[in-house]
Structure formats: C-alpha cells, structure tokens
Protein backbone atom coordinates (compact mmCIF):
# COMPACT_ATOMS: atom_id res chain seq x y z
CA MET A 1 -28.16 -31.98 -28.10
CA LEU A 2 -30.29 -28.71 -27.96
CA SER A 3 -30.61 -28.64 -31.66
CA LYS A 4 -32.00 -32.26 -31.54
CA LEU A 5 -34.67 -31.28 -28.85
CA ILE A 6 -35.69 -28.25 -30.98
CA HIS A 7 -36.07 -30.47 -33.97
CA ALA A 8 -37.98 -33.12 -31.86
CA LEU A 9 -40.51 -30.32 -30.48
CA THR A 10 -40.89 -28.64 -34.06
CA ALA A 11 -41.66 -32.24 -35.64
CA ILE A 12 -44.27 -32.79 -32.78
CA THR A 13 -45.92 -29.39 -33.31
CA LEU A 14 -46.23 -29.82 -37.06
CA GLY A 15 -47.87 -33.11 -36.59
CA MET A 16 -50.54 -31.56 -34.42
CA SER A 17 -53.83 -30.74 -35.68
CA PRO A 18 -54.63 -26.85 -35.68
CA ALA A 19 -57.28 -27.49 -33.10
CA ALA A 20 -54.95 -29.37 -30.85
CA VAL A 21 -52.54 -26.55 -31.07
CA MET A 22 -55.32 -23.97 -30.26
CA ALA A 23 -56.52 -26.05 -27.44
CA GLN A 24 -52.97 -26.33 -25.89
CA ALA A 25 -52.54 -22.56 -25.90
CA TYR A 26 -56.20 -21.81 -24.93
CA PRO A 27 -57.10 -19.49 -23.51
CA THR A 28 -55.08 -16.47 -24.60
CA LYS A 29 -57.53 -13.56 -23.89
CA PRO A 30 -60.73 -12.87 -21.91
CA ILE A 31 -63.75 -15.18 -22.26
CA ARG A 32 -67.28 -13.93 -22.36
CA MET A 33 -69.93 -15.62 -20.75
CA VAL A 34 -73.34 -14.71 -21.82
CA LEU A 35 -76.14 -14.55 -19.04
CA PRO A 36 -79.48 -14.56 -20.78
CA PHE A 37 -81.37 -13.22 -17.81
CA PRO A 38 -81.20 -9.86 -15.87
CA PRO A 39 -78.91 -9.21 -12.85
CA GLY A 40 -79.60 -10.45 -9.39
CA GLY A 41 -81.52 -13.43 -10.43
CA PRO A 42 -80.56 -17.36 -9.94
CA THR A 43 -78.86 -17.55 -13.38
CA ASP A 44 -76.88 -14.20 -12.68
CA ILE A 45 -75.73 -15.28 -9.44
CA THR A 46 -74.69 -18.82 -10.63
CA GLY A 47 -72.99 -17.54 -13.72
CA ARG A 48 -70.97 -14.88 -12.00
CA ALA A 49 -69.95 -17.44 -9.24
CA ILE A 50 -68.71 -19.94 -11.83
CA ALA A 51 -67.12 -17.19 -14.12
CA GLN A 52 -65.14 -16.03 -11.17
CA LYS A 53 -63.73 -19.60 -10.30
CA LEU A 54 -62.98 -20.26 -14.00
CA SER A 55 -60.95 -17.09 -14.23
CA GLU A 56 -58.84 -18.15 -11.26
CA GLN A 57 -58.18 -21.66 -12.88
CA LEU A 58 -57.72 -20.39 -16.58
CA GLY A 59 -55.56 -17.32 -15.78
CA GLN A 60 -57.82 -15.49 -18.07
CA THR A 61 -60.82 -13.45 -17.23
CA VAL A 62 -64.23 -14.89 -17.80
CA VAL A 63 -66.57 -11.97 -18.20
CA PRO A 64 -70.15 -12.16 -17.33
CA GLU A 65 -72.37 -10.37 -19.75
CA ASN A 66 -76.15 -9.96 -19.07
CA ARG A 67 -78.23 -10.07 -22.30
CA PRO A 68 -81.84 -10.49 -21.07
CA GLY A 69 -84.90 -10.69 -23.29
CA ALA A 70 -87.71 -12.95 -24.80
CA ALA A 71 -87.23 -15.53 -21.94
CA GLY A 72 -83.62 -15.86 -22.36
CA ASN A 73 -83.72 -16.46 -26.16
CA VAL A 74 -81.88 -12.98 -26.73
CA GLY A 75 -78.91 -14.11 -25.16
CA LEU A 76 -78.98 -17.87 -26.63
CA GLU A 77 -79.31 -16.26 -30.01
CA LEU A 78 -76.36 -13.98 -29.41
CA ALA A 79 -74.36 -16.93 -28.28
CA SER A 80 -75.17 -19.05 -31.22
CA ARG A 81 -74.08 -16.33 -33.75
CA SER A 82 -70.67 -15.84 -32.05
CA ALA A 83 -67.32 -17.10 -33.44
CA PRO A 84 -67.02 -20.76 -32.54
CA ASP A 85 -63.49 -20.22 -31.08
CA GLY A 86 -64.04 -20.80 -27.35
CA TYR A 87 -64.22 -17.04 -26.26
CA SER A 88 -68.06 -16.97 -26.13
CA ILE A 89 -70.05 -19.38 -23.88
CA VAL A 90 -73.50 -19.01 -22.68
CA LEU A 91 -75.27 -20.11 -19.35
CA ALA A 92 -78.60 -21.82 -20.44
CA ALA A 93 -81.49 -22.69 -18.17
CA PRO A 94 -84.73 -24.78 -18.91
CA PRO A 95 -86.09 -22.11 -21.41
CA ILE A 96 -83.61 -23.52 -23.99
CA ALA A 97 -85.74 -26.71 -23.94
CA ILE A 98 -89.04 -25.15 -23.35
CA SER A 99 -88.93 -22.21 -26.04
CA PRO A 100 -88.97 -24.42 -29.43
CA SER A 101 -92.43 -25.40 -28.40
CA LEU A 102 -93.75 -22.16 -27.00
CA TYR A 103 -92.57 -19.73 -29.79
CA LYS A 104 -93.66 -20.08 -33.39
CA LYS A 105 -90.37 -18.97 -34.58
CA LEU A 106 -86.80 -18.67 -33.03
CA ASN A 107 -83.82 -17.17 -34.69
CA TYR A 108 -81.65 -20.04 -33.64
CA ASN A 109 -81.80 -23.77 -33.23
CA ALA A 110 -80.65 -24.97 -29.85
CA GLN A 111 -79.65 -28.33 -30.98
CA LYS A 112 -77.87 -27.31 -34.13
CA ASP A 113 -76.52 -23.89 -33.32
CA LEU A 114 -75.05 -24.55 -29.81
CA ALA A 115 -72.60 -27.12 -28.46
CA PRO A 116 -73.26 -28.42 -25.04
CA ILE A 117 -70.30 -28.39 -22.59
CA SER A 118 -71.61 -29.29 -19.17
CA LEU A 119 -74.56 -29.12 -16.75
CA VAL A 120 -73.37 -26.93 -13.85
CA ALA A 121 -76.24 -26.52 -11.38
CA SER A 122 -79.78 -27.15 -10.31
CA ILE A 123 -82.44 -25.55 -8.06
CA GLU A 124 -85.19 -27.72 -6.86
CA ASN A 125 -88.74 -26.67 -6.86
CA ILE A 126 -91.44 -27.48 -4.26
CA MET A 127 -95.20 -27.36 -4.55
CA VAL A 128 -97.07 -25.46 -1.80
CA VAL A 129 -100.84 -24.49 -0.78
CA HIS A 130 -102.16 -21.67 1.08
CA ASN A 131 -103.03 -22.55 4.53
CA SER A 132 -106.63 -22.22 3.82
CA VAL A 133 -106.52 -25.30 1.51
CA PRO A 134 -107.49 -28.29 3.47
CA ALA A 135 -105.26 -30.93 1.67
CA LYS A 136 -102.44 -31.96 3.82
CA SER A 137 -100.51 -33.93 1.17
CA LEU A 138 -100.09 -34.13 -2.52
CA LYS A 139 -102.56 -36.97 -2.70
CA GLU A 140 -105.16 -35.35 -0.73
CA PHE A 141 -104.55 -32.06 -2.81
CA ILE A 142 -105.18 -34.25 -6.16
CA GLN A 143 -108.29 -35.62 -4.61
CA LEU A 144 -109.53 -32.16 -3.60
CA ALA A 145 -109.03 -30.71 -7.07
CA ARG A 146 -110.97 -33.60 -8.47
CA SER A 147 -113.82 -32.99 -6.17
CA PHE A 148 -113.94 -29.35 -6.91
CA PRO A 149 -113.21 -29.06 -10.74
CA GLY A 150 -112.73 -25.47 -11.83
CA LYS A 151 -112.74 -24.13 -8.23
CA LEU A 152 -108.89 -24.11 -7.54
CA ASN A 153 -106.47 -21.83 -9.10
CA PHE A 154 -102.61 -22.01 -9.26
CA SER A 155 -99.87 -19.35 -9.68
CA SER A 156 -96.96 -19.01 -11.89
CA SER A 157 -94.30 -16.57 -12.82
CA GLY A 158 -95.42 -16.52 -16.40
CA ALA A 159 -96.59 -18.72 -19.13
CA GLY A 160 -94.21 -21.24 -20.03
CA SER A 161 -91.99 -21.13 -17.08
CA THR A 162 -90.93 -24.16 -15.18
CA ASN A 163 -93.31 -23.54 -12.24
CA HIS A 164 -96.30 -23.12 -14.62
CA LEU A 165 -95.33 -26.25 -16.39
CA ALA A 166 -94.95 -28.36 -13.36
CA SER A 167 -98.56 -27.51 -12.46
CA GLU A 168 -99.80 -28.54 -15.90
CA LEU A 169 -97.87 -31.54 -15.76
CA LEU A 170 -99.83 -32.60 -12.53
CA LYS A 171 -103.14 -31.41 -14.21
CA GLY A 172 -102.56 -33.31 -17.31
CA ARG A 173 -101.61 -36.44 -15.60
CA TYR A 174 -104.72 -36.51 -13.23
CA LYS A 175 -106.98 -34.72 -15.44
CA LEU A 176 -107.45 -31.85 -13.09
CA ASN A 177 -109.30 -28.66 -13.90
CA MET A 178 -107.65 -25.82 -12.21
CA VAL A 179 -107.37 -22.19 -13.34
CA HIS A 180 -103.82 -20.68 -14.21
CA VAL A 181 -103.08 -17.35 -12.64
CA PRO A 182 -99.86 -16.07 -14.26
CA PHE A 183 -97.78 -13.33 -12.65
CA LYS A 184 -94.93 -11.22 -13.90
CA GLY A 185 -92.16 -12.89 -12.00
CA SER A 186 -91.62 -15.07 -9.05
CA GLY A 187 -91.87 -12.48 -6.56
CA PRO A 188 -95.67 -11.44 -7.33
CA ALA A 189 -96.53 -15.01 -7.58
CA LEU A 190 -95.01 -15.64 -4.06
CA VAL A 191 -97.12 -12.76 -2.63
CA ALA A 192 -100.10 -14.06 -4.05
CA LEU A 193 -99.63 -17.48 -2.53
CA MET A 194 -98.99 -16.16 0.97
CA SER A 195 -102.17 -13.93 0.70
CA GLY A 196 -104.34 -16.62 -0.38
CA GLU A 197 -105.03 -14.75 -3.83
CA VAL A 198 -104.28 -18.27 -5.23
CA ASP A 199 -104.49 -21.82 -3.70
CA VAL A 200 -101.37 -23.51 -5.02
CA GLY A 201 -98.11 -22.92 -6.72
CA THR A 202 -94.74 -24.30 -7.51
CA MET A 203 -91.57 -22.24 -6.62
CA ALA A 204 -87.84 -22.57 -6.31
CA VAL A 205 -86.98 -24.04 -2.90
CA PRO A 206 -84.59 -20.97 -1.83
CA GLY A 207 -87.59 -18.71 -2.08
CA ALA A 208 -89.97 -21.02 -0.28
CA ILE A 209 -87.70 -21.82 2.60
CA PRO A 210 -88.62 -18.79 4.77
CA ILE A 211 -92.49 -18.87 4.19
CA VAL A 212 -92.61 -22.53 4.76
CA ARG A 213 -90.60 -22.24 8.22
CA ALA A 214 -92.88 -19.36 9.13
CA ASN A 215 -95.85 -21.40 8.27
CA ARG A 216 -97.06 -18.89 5.79
CA VAL A 217 -97.71 -21.80 3.20
CA ARG A 218 -97.97 -25.47 3.68
CA PRO A 219 -95.58 -27.63 1.59
CA LEU A 220 -96.80 -30.67 -0.37
CA ALA A 221 -93.72 -32.01 -1.83
CA VAL A 222 -90.37 -31.16 -3.44
CA LEU A 223 -90.11 -32.16 -7.03
CA SER A 224 -86.90 -33.64 -6.88
CA GLU A 225 -85.23 -37.13 -6.63
CA LYS A 226 -84.46 -36.69 -2.97
CA ARG A 227 -85.52 -34.61 -0.15
CA VAL A 228 -83.62 -31.21 0.31
CA PRO A 229 -81.63 -30.47 3.37
CA PRO A 230 -83.10 -27.09 4.19
CA LEU A 231 -86.59 -28.69 4.35
CA PRO A 232 -85.94 -32.30 5.48
CA ASP A 233 -89.55 -33.03 6.59
CA VAL A 234 -91.00 -32.25 3.07
CA PRO A 235 -91.38 -35.51 1.30
CA THR A 236 -90.41 -35.87 -2.48
CA ALA A 237 -93.29 -36.02 -4.93
CA LYS A 238 -92.44 -39.99 -5.25
CA GLU A 239 -92.63 -40.32 -1.51
CA ALA A 240 -96.02 -38.60 -1.55
CA GLY A 241 -97.40 -40.96 -4.01
CA VAL A 242 -96.66 -39.46 -7.57
CA ASP A 243 -93.98 -41.10 -9.53
CA ASP A 244 -92.05 -39.23 -12.41
CA PHE A 245 -92.86 -35.72 -10.99
CA VAL A 246 -89.27 -34.32 -11.11
CA VAL A 247 -89.27 -30.45 -12.23
CA SER A 248 -85.97 -28.67 -11.53
CA ILE A 249 -84.37 -25.46 -12.56
CA TRP A 250 -81.18 -26.70 -14.23
CA TYR A 251 -78.27 -24.61 -15.68
CA GLY A 252 -75.49 -25.53 -18.24
CA VAL A 253 -72.97 -24.02 -20.40
CA LEU A 254 -72.81 -24.18 -24.01
CA ALA A 255 -70.57 -22.79 -26.89
CA PRO A 256 -71.39 -21.86 -30.52
CA ALA A 257 -71.62 -25.06 -32.56
CA GLY A 258 -68.32 -25.60 -34.41
CA THR A 259 -66.29 -24.80 -31.43
CA PRO A 260 -63.22 -27.25 -31.47
CA ARG A 261 -63.76 -30.44 -29.61
CA ASP A 262 -60.36 -29.91 -27.79
CA VAL A 263 -61.44 -26.75 -26.40
CA ILE A 264 -65.04 -28.10 -25.54
CA ASN A 265 -63.14 -30.82 -23.44
CA ARG A 266 -60.82 -28.21 -21.77
CA LEU A 267 -63.90 -26.12 -20.52
CA ASN A 268 -65.68 -29.21 -19.42
CA SER A 269 -62.67 -30.33 -17.33
CA GLU A 270 -62.18 -26.82 -15.92
CA ILE A 271 -65.94 -26.53 -15.07
CA HIS A 272 -65.85 -29.95 -13.27
CA LYS A 273 -62.73 -28.72 -11.54
CA ALA A 274 -64.48 -25.41 -10.33
CA LEU A 275 -67.62 -27.28 -9.18
CA ALA A 276 -65.55 -29.65 -6.96
CA SER A 277 -63.88 -26.75 -5.25
CA ALA A 278 -64.97 -26.11 -1.62
CA ASP A 279 -65.29 -22.36 -2.05
CA LEU A 280 -67.67 -22.45 -4.96
CA LYS A 281 -69.79 -25.25 -3.61
CA GLN A 282 -70.23 -23.27 -0.47
CA ARG A 283 -70.93 -19.84 -2.40
CA LEU A 284 -73.53 -21.76 -4.40
CA ALA A 285 -74.99 -23.45 -1.44
CA ALA A 286 -75.53 -20.06 0.11
CA SER A 287 -77.84 -19.33 -2.84
CA GLY A 288 -79.75 -22.51 -2.72
CA VAL A 289 -77.89 -23.90 -5.71
CA ASP A 290 -76.75 -27.42 -5.96
CA PRO A 291 -73.39 -28.05 -8.13
CA LEU A 292 -74.21 -30.56 -11.10
CA THR A 293 -71.71 -31.79 -13.68
CA SER A 294 -72.00 -33.92 -16.92
CA THR A 295 -70.24 -34.92 -20.14
CA PRO A 296 -71.13 -32.82 -23.16
CA GLU A 297 -72.91 -35.73 -24.43
CA GLY A 298 -74.70 -36.02 -21.19
CA PHE A 299 -75.86 -32.58 -21.44
CA ALA A 300 -77.14 -32.77 -24.96
CA SER A 301 -79.16 -35.81 -24.06
CA HIS A 302 -80.53 -33.91 -21.22
CA ILE A 303 -81.64 -31.05 -23.39
CA ARG A 304 -83.12 -33.24 -25.93
CA SER A 305 -85.24 -35.23 -23.39
CA GLU A 306 -86.36 -32.03 -21.57
CA THR A 307 -87.46 -30.65 -24.86
CA VAL A 308 -89.54 -33.54 -25.65
CA ARG A 309 -91.16 -33.62 -22.30
CA TYR A 310 -91.95 -30.01 -22.25
CA ALA A 311 -93.28 -30.27 -25.71
CA LYS A 312 -95.92 -32.59 -24.71
CA VAL A 313 -96.93 -30.66 -21.71
CA ILE A 314 -97.23 -27.26 -23.89
CA LYS A 315 -99.11 -29.02 -26.55
CA ASP A 316 -101.53 -30.90 -24.26
CA ALA A 317 -102.31 -27.74 -22.35
CA GLY A 318 -102.32 -25.37 -25.36
CA ILE A 319 -99.98 -23.00 -23.87
CA LYS A 320 -98.92 -19.85 -25.82
CA ALA A 321 -96.27 -17.36 -25.20
CA GLN A 322 -97.46 -14.20 -23.79
C-alpha cells in the first residue's frame, strides 16, 4: 500500500511543470523587498509594515532594503535586473508611471522589465490655500486664478511629483496662469504654505490633518473618490464642482519580468491576506495609509492608464526633470 502511494506521488510530481513545483515549495529562503525611497517616508513605512506581515505568513523573512535615488528609479532599475525567481520584489509608487515622460532616458522599461503583483495601498491628496487667499471653495479659487493671471503661486515637493502634477492638471484644464514654486521635499513646501510664501498647494492628507484642524490653512477639496474620515467636512473635488480630478499616491508590489506566474499568484494571494488582517489595517491607518488590492492584471492596467494620463500633463506643461 505504501509503495503504491509513493509511486502515485512520484507520478504526480513528475507531471508537474518546474514552475508549479517551485511555487509549491516557494519560498525556501528570505525575500528582498526593494524600497526605492529613503527611510522614514510613506513608502518606507508602508513597505516595512507589509514586509513584516508577509514574513509572518510565509515563514520566511521579507527583508526591506532601501535603495533611494533618482525619484525612485534606482530601486526600480535594481529590481528589474534581479533574478526572476520570486526572491526580489519592489514597492513602487506613482513615479513608475511618471518617470517615462519626465526623463529622457531610463535604464529600465517599467512595462516590460517588471511584472505587477498587486496594488497595496494609497494615500489621498488634498488641495489647500493659505488663509489670506479669499477663495472659500475650489470653484471660487479657479475663478480667482482666472481673474488674476500670473499673480497666484503654488508649491510642490519637486518637479514631477504628484502634488506638482495635480496643480498642473487643474491649470491645464481651466487654462490658469499660476507660478510653480518647487521645494526640496514636502516638509519645506508645507512650511511655505503655512507662512503664506505660496498661495496654494496639494499635499498628502496625513501631513495636512494637523494644520487644517489648527486653521493654519484652508482646505478646498480632497482629490479622491470619497471624503476622508479624518477630515469629514472637506468635500471631494467632484463635490466641489470639478469632475475627474482624482490624484492619489498609490503603492504596488512588482517582481522582475519572467517571474513564474504561480509565484506571482502566490504573492498576490498572500498580499491580499495580509491587507485583510486587522493588525496591518490598523498599523497602516495610523500612518494615514489606506489598504488597496488588485489582480496583477488590474495593477498593470492601472500603471498603463496613469502613465498615459501623466504623460499628457507633463507634455502640456513642458515639465522637465530637475
């Protein structure tokens, strides 16, 4: 009886593809998660929280590795050149869709060299003005900018950042003439808004919550599909009269192209399981991060659509990498 069982198991194993056999055993060693931005930021916080939960589920350590540089492109290139065996993954943010139009040359092709696994999270953006600006709503602000061309300025954390492109999107749609004032990071941009050095800016909701509640700035709209719980009285852009003005900071996990589909599916399943857990949800929520999941195909489609959308904004505004 035992010999028959062994023969049956051997026959089943021999009939399986190498990829299926690998996926069944996967993972057998630690997995590296490349984080393309410096420690301490939202990408780092999100990636480390997910890595810890995946480590618990997989029984192998998922090791976060910060590889910042060139707006995330250093880490993305590193991941794209790693072995496609499931032991190197990368946490990407909007720059994966922005960089192809912002830089003349990249050493990797996001849509050919990386395989999407799943979206994992998003952080919503909010548009705020300094209290000296008389506009009380997004529509009033648009009218104000039209009435005083070239007189209003807006901040960003750098050329090509999502908060820069959000303002450029509004400018292009309503033919507004406003002056861009870029800063080296969200911190200095935030200080400039509170001091009145700039009139308007878009920022991540977590960073805006304390200064909105303290009435240091006036919120115009959240650039999301629905209102955000920490600021329930702030309308969405659509509620404020501007359709199709959703600009979030999203995150997703990818692997090198050529990674076996069974491994991609396993990681997708484990990521969904992790993000459904109460402890990880609570940990992310504490940092103002909303869990988000998708199929590999859904994430690939999202990257393509975001790439097309941002390409138009960058071209129309004549934005160059700095």
